[in-house]
Amino acid sequence: MLLVPKPRKDQGDYLNSQWAEDSDGNWHPCDAYAICLDESNEDVFVRAKGAPQTYIKFSIDQSGCVCLFLLSCHASS
């Protein structure tokens, strides 16, 4: 994904902070973001109001490695 989540809570993409469990049963602190992406052009993803939200949840470990826990796209209710 080439778009960087906007970290601000107001007018940004940040939803909240959550805990996520990995496949080994370890828990990690994560940040969750929602970005509205227009995927009508297969080559380019652009932000668009009213487009389906793409949810991203990730964690950064002590060594600085990023671990992606969730990436999903669906219409908001």
C-alpha atoms as a PDB file:
ATOM      1  CA  MET A   1       0.000   0.000   0.000  1.00  0.00           C
ATOM      2  CA  LEU A   2       1.522   3.286  -1.041  1.00  0.00           C
ATOM      3  CA  LEU A   3      -0.767   5.524   0.993  1.00  0.00           C
ATOM      4  CA  VAL A   4       0.454   6.398   4.457  1.00  0.00           C
ATOM      5  CA  PRO A   5      -2.204   6.508   7.200  1.00  0.00           C
ATOM      6  CA  LYS A   6      -2.784   9.968   8.638  1.00  0.00           C
ATOM      7  CA  PRO A   7      -2.168   9.598  12.377  1.00  0.00           C
ATOM      8  CA  ARG A   8      -4.358  12.440  13.660  1.00  0.00           C
ATOM      9  CA  LYS A   9      -7.544  11.464  15.441  1.00  0.00           C
ATOM     10  CA  ASP A  10      -9.412  14.515  14.126  1.00  0.00           C
ATOM     11  CA  GLN A  11      -9.390  14.671  10.315  1.00  0.00           C
ATOM     12  CA  GLY A  12      -7.049  11.698  10.185  1.00  0.00           C
ATOM     13  CA  ASP A  13      -7.326   7.955   9.631  1.00  0.00           C
ATOM     14  CA  TYR A  14      -6.554   6.807  13.189  1.00  0.00           C
ATOM     15  CA  LEU A  15      -9.435   4.878  14.796  1.00  0.00           C
ATOM     16  CA  ASN A  16      -8.043   3.627  18.095  1.00  0.00           C
ATOM     17  CA  SER A  17      -5.427   1.491  19.794  1.00  0.00           C
ATOM     18  CA  GLN A  18      -6.173  -2.188  20.282  1.00  0.00           C
ATOM     19  CA  TRP A  19      -4.560  -5.432  21.311  1.00  0.00           C
ATOM     20  CA  ALA A  20      -4.079  -8.187  18.731  1.00  0.00           C
ATOM     21  CA  GLU A  21      -3.188 -11.831  19.223  1.00  0.00           C
ATOM     22  CA  ASP A  22      -0.818 -13.508  16.773  1.00  0.00           C
ATOM     23  CA  SER A  23      -0.974 -17.138  15.652  1.00  0.00           C
ATOM     24  CA  ASP A  24       1.393 -18.148  18.488  1.00  0.00           C
ATOM     25  CA  GLY A  25      -0.908 -16.683  21.146  1.00  0.00           C
ATOM     26  CA  ASN A  26       1.240 -13.608  21.865  1.00  0.00           C
ATOM     27  CA  TRP A  27      -0.485 -10.258  22.375  1.00  0.00           C
ATOM     28  CA  HIS A  28       0.733  -7.043  20.743  1.00  0.00           C
ATOM     29  CA  PRO A  29      -0.336  -3.392  21.102  1.00  0.00           C
ATOM     30  CA  CYS A  30      -1.650  -2.166  17.747  1.00  0.00           C
ATOM     31  CA  ASP A  31      -2.947   0.987  16.133  1.00  0.00           C
ATOM     32  CA  ALA A  32      -6.021   0.724  13.907  1.00  0.00           C
ATOM     33  CA  TYR A  33      -6.675   2.978  10.912  1.00  0.00           C
ATOM     34  CA  ALA A  34      -9.485   3.281   8.348  1.00  0.00           C
ATOM     35  CA  ILE A  35      -8.790   4.792   4.937  1.00  0.00           C
ATOM     36  CA  CYS A  36     -11.490   5.383   2.304  1.00  0.00           C
ATOM     37  CA  LEU A  37      -9.925   4.211  -0.959  1.00  0.00           C
ATOM     38  CA  ASP A  38     -11.335   4.419  -4.469  1.00  0.00           C
ATOM     39  CA  GLU A  39     -10.202   1.247  -6.186  1.00  0.00           C
ATOM     40  CA  SER A  40     -11.939   1.872  -9.532  1.00  0.00           C
ATOM     41  CA  ASN A  41      -8.576   2.278 -11.260  1.00  0.00           C
ATOM     42  CA  GLU A  42      -6.591  -0.939 -10.839  1.00  0.00           C
ATOM     43  CA  ASP A  43      -3.253   0.868 -11.061  1.00  0.00           C
ATOM     44  CA  VAL A  44      -3.836   3.645  -8.529  1.00  0.00           C
ATOM     45  CA  PHE A  45      -5.487   3.806  -5.115  1.00  0.00           C
ATOM     46  CA  VAL A  46      -6.714   7.283  -4.170  1.00  0.00           C
ATOM     47  CA  ARG A  47      -8.482   8.620  -1.111  1.00  0.00           C
ATOM     48  CA  ALA A  48     -12.162   9.324  -1.774  1.00  0.00           C
ATOM     49  CA  LYS A  49     -15.021  10.232   0.551  1.00  0.00           C
ATOM     50  CA  GLY A  50     -17.790   7.657   0.393  1.00  0.00           C
ATOM     51  CA  ALA A  51     -15.489   4.943  -0.957  1.00  0.00           C
ATOM     52  CA  PRO A  52     -15.216   1.600   0.853  1.00  0.00           C
ATOM     53  CA  GLN A  53     -13.089   1.765   3.968  1.00  0.00           C
ATOM     54  CA  THR A  54      -9.880  -0.223   4.107  1.00  0.00           C
ATOM     55  CA  TYR A  55      -9.060  -1.172   7.699  1.00  0.00           C
ATOM     56  CA  ILE A  56      -5.442  -1.592   8.725  1.00  0.00           C
ATOM     57  CA  LYS A  57      -4.182  -2.810  12.099  1.00  0.00           C
ATOM     58  CA  PHE A  58      -0.454  -3.020  12.733  1.00  0.00           C
ATOM     59  CA  SER A  59       2.128  -3.129  15.491  1.00  0.00           C
ATOM     60  CA  ILE A  60       5.781  -2.087  15.692  1.00  0.00           C
ATOM     61  CA  ASP A  61       7.917  -4.366  17.838  1.00  0.00           C
ATOM     62  CA  GLN A  62      10.884  -3.409  20.023  1.00  0.00           C
ATOM     63  CA  SER A  63      13.337  -3.908  17.153  1.00  0.00           C
ATOM     64  CA  GLY A  64      11.317  -1.569  14.895  1.00  0.00           C
ATOM     65  CA  CYS A  65       9.799  -4.252  12.669  1.00  0.00           C
ATOM     66  CA  VAL A  66       6.230  -3.636  11.498  1.00  0.00           C
ATOM     67  CA  CYS A  67       3.764  -6.492  11.898  1.00  0.00           C
ATOM     68  CA  LEU A  68       0.519  -6.274   9.911  1.00  0.00           C
ATOM     69  CA  PHE A  69      -2.341  -7.876  11.844  1.00  0.00           C
ATOM     70  CA  LEU A  70      -5.345  -6.975   9.726  1.00  0.00           C
ATOM     71  CA  LEU A  71      -6.064  -5.596   6.295  1.00  0.00           C
ATOM     72  CA  SER A  72      -9.686  -5.705   5.189  1.00  0.00           C
ATOM     73  CA  CYS A  73     -11.940  -3.765   2.882  1.00  0.00           C
ATOM     74  CA  HIS A  74     -15.719  -3.577   3.157  1.00  0.00           C
ATOM     75  CA  ALA A  75     -18.546  -1.094   2.985  1.00  0.00           C
ATOM     76  CA  SER A  76     -19.210   0.752   6.221  1.00  0.00           C
ATOM     77  CA  SER A  77     -22.613   0.398   7.832  1.00  0.00           C
END
